[in-house]
């Protein structure tokens, strides 16, 4: 089975992406993580900025990838 040239970048970050959509969602979550830690924008703004129009889906996706909700992640960064 041929591999897409984009997927190895995802694997090199310690995550396995089985499809292009996995890779795209992983990139969106990593971008959201950067925005959460570098801005004080609300989660709904960040969701829209990374291409996820529904805030509830963004929160669910973020938690499934990171193991923690976006607001909890921001709170942890602020406390450090």
C-alpha atoms as a PDB file:
ATOM      1  CA  UNK A   1       0.000   0.000   0.000  1.00  0.00           C
ATOM      2  CA  UNK A   2       1.439   3.343  -1.008  1.00  0.00           C
ATOM      3  CA  UNK A   3       1.749   6.016   1.643  1.00  0.00           C
ATOM      4  CA  UNK A   4       0.795   9.602   1.136  1.00  0.00           C
ATOM      5  CA  UNK A   5       3.844  11.892   1.452  1.00  0.00           C
ATOM      6  CA  UNK A   6       1.997  14.056   3.998  1.00  0.00           C
ATOM      7  CA  UNK A   7       1.429  11.317   6.583  1.00  0.00           C
ATOM      8  CA  UNK A   8       5.055  10.754   7.687  1.00  0.00           C
ATOM      9  CA  UNK A   9       5.107  14.271   9.168  1.00  0.00           C
ATOM     10  CA  UNK A  10       2.228  13.279  11.383  1.00  0.00           C
ATOM     11  CA  UNK A  11       3.953  10.068  12.416  1.00  0.00           C
ATOM     12  CA  UNK A  12       7.167  11.932  13.217  1.00  0.00           C
ATOM     13  CA  UNK A  13       5.279  14.032  15.778  1.00  0.00           C
ATOM     14  CA  UNK A  14       4.526  10.870  17.746  1.00  0.00           C
ATOM     15  CA  UNK A  15       1.011  10.415  16.420  1.00  0.00           C
ATOM     16  CA  UNK A  16      -0.222   7.931  13.884  1.00  0.00           C
ATOM     17  CA  UNK A  17      -2.518   9.190  11.158  1.00  0.00           C
ATOM     18  CA  UNK A  18      -4.258   6.554   9.105  1.00  0.00           C
ATOM     19  CA  UNK A  19      -5.836   8.928   6.611  1.00  0.00           C
ATOM     20  CA  UNK A  20      -5.608  12.428   5.244  1.00  0.00           C
ATOM     21  CA  UNK A  21      -8.612  13.467   7.329  1.00  0.00           C
ATOM     22  CA  UNK A  22      -6.828  12.225  10.493  1.00  0.00           C
ATOM     23  CA  UNK A  23      -3.824  14.297   9.509  1.00  0.00           C
ATOM     24  CA  UNK A  24      -5.963  17.397   8.881  1.00  0.00           C
ATOM     25  CA  UNK A  25      -7.780  17.074  12.210  1.00  0.00           C
ATOM     26  CA  UNK A  26      -4.479  16.549  14.014  1.00  0.00           C
ATOM     27  CA  UNK A  27      -3.060  19.690  12.407  1.00  0.00           C
ATOM     28  CA  UNK A  28      -6.180  21.643  13.379  1.00  0.00           C
ATOM     29  CA  UNK A  29      -5.921  20.513  16.988  1.00  0.00           C
ATOM     30  CA  UNK A  30      -2.228  21.427  17.165  1.00  0.00           C
ATOM     31  CA  UNK A  31      -3.033  24.862  15.717  1.00  0.00           C
ATOM     32  CA  UNK A  32      -5.834  25.240  18.269  1.00  0.00           C
ATOM     33  CA  UNK A  33      -3.373  24.341  21.021  1.00  0.00           C
ATOM     34  CA  UNK A  34      -1.038  27.121  19.872  1.00  0.00           C
ATOM     35  CA  UNK A  35      -3.907  29.609  19.818  1.00  0.00           C
ATOM     36  CA  UNK A  36      -5.127  28.526  23.248  1.00  0.00           C
ATOM     37  CA  UNK A  37      -1.728  29.087  24.784  1.00  0.00           C
ATOM     38  CA  UNK A  38      -0.820  32.293  22.940  1.00  0.00           C
ATOM     39  CA  UNK A  39      -4.111  34.234  22.898  1.00  0.00           C
ATOM     40  CA  UNK A  40      -7.014  34.936  25.181  1.00  0.00           C
ATOM     41  CA  UNK A  41      -9.581  34.392  22.417  1.00  0.00           C
ATOM     42  CA  UNK A  42     -12.677  32.335  23.315  1.00  0.00           C
ATOM     43  CA  UNK A  43     -12.970  28.700  22.259  1.00  0.00           C
ATOM     44  CA  UNK A  44     -15.639  29.554  19.689  1.00  0.00           C
ATOM     45  CA  UNK A  45     -13.240  31.973  17.963  1.00  0.00           C
ATOM     46  CA  UNK A  46     -10.437  29.379  17.997  1.00  0.00           C
ATOM     47  CA  UNK A  47     -12.769  26.701  16.614  1.00  0.00           C
ATOM     48  CA  UNK A  48     -13.661  28.967  13.717  1.00  0.00           C
ATOM     49  CA  UNK A  49     -10.019  29.984  13.181  1.00  0.00           C
ATOM     50  CA  UNK A  50      -8.923  26.362  12.732  1.00  0.00           C
ATOM     51  CA  UNK A  51     -11.809  25.529  10.399  1.00  0.00           C
ATOM     52  CA  UNK A  52     -14.256  23.869  12.762  1.00  0.00           C
ATOM     53  CA  UNK A  53     -17.523  25.777  12.609  1.00  0.00           C
ATOM     54  CA  UNK A  54     -19.258  24.068  15.540  1.00  0.00           C
ATOM     55  CA  UNK A  55     -17.738  24.846  18.915  1.00  0.00           C
ATOM     56  CA  UNK A  56     -19.191  21.672  20.457  1.00  0.00           C
ATOM     57  CA  UNK A  57     -17.495  19.516  17.807  1.00  0.00           C
ATOM     58  CA  UNK A  58     -14.227  21.375  18.288  1.00  0.00           C
ATOM     59  CA  UNK A  59     -14.338  20.708  22.052  1.00  0.00           C
ATOM     60  CA  UNK A  60     -15.148  17.026  21.504  1.00  0.00           C
ATOM     61  CA  UNK A  61     -12.380  16.618  18.913  1.00  0.00           C
ATOM     62  CA  UNK A  62      -9.854  18.492  21.052  1.00  0.00           C
ATOM     63  CA  UNK A  63     -10.621  16.337  24.085  1.00  0.00           C
ATOM     64  CA  UNK A  64     -10.398  13.102  22.089  1.00  0.00           C
ATOM     65  CA  UNK A  65      -6.953  14.098  20.749  1.00  0.00           C
ATOM     66  CA  UNK A  66      -5.491  15.798  23.814  1.00  0.00           C
ATOM     67  CA  UNK A  67      -7.289  14.010  26.654  1.00  0.00           C
ATOM     68  CA  UNK A  68      -8.385  17.309  28.181  1.00  0.00           C
ATOM     69  CA  UNK A  69     -10.991  19.941  27.286  1.00  0.00           C
ATOM     70  CA  UNK A  70      -9.760  23.179  25.681  1.00  0.00           C
ATOM     71  CA  UNK A  71     -10.708  25.381  28.643  1.00  0.00           C
ATOM     72  CA  UNK A  72      -8.945  23.012  31.043  1.00  0.00           C
ATOM     73  CA  UNK A  73      -5.860  23.065  28.845  1.00  0.00           C
ATOM     74  CA  UNK A  74      -5.809  26.878  28.806  1.00  0.00           C
ATOM     75  CA  UNK A  75      -6.278  26.976  32.581  1.00  0.00           C
ATOM     76  CA  UNK A  76      -3.334  24.621  33.033  1.00  0.00           C
ATOM     77  CA  UNK A  77      -1.118  26.855  30.852  1.00  0.00           C
ATOM     78  CA  UNK A  78      -2.170  30.017  32.692  1.00  0.00           C
ATOM     79  CA  UNK A  79      -1.336  28.443  36.054  1.00  0.00           C
ATOM     80  CA  UNK A  80       2.208  27.561  34.943  1.00  0.00           C
END
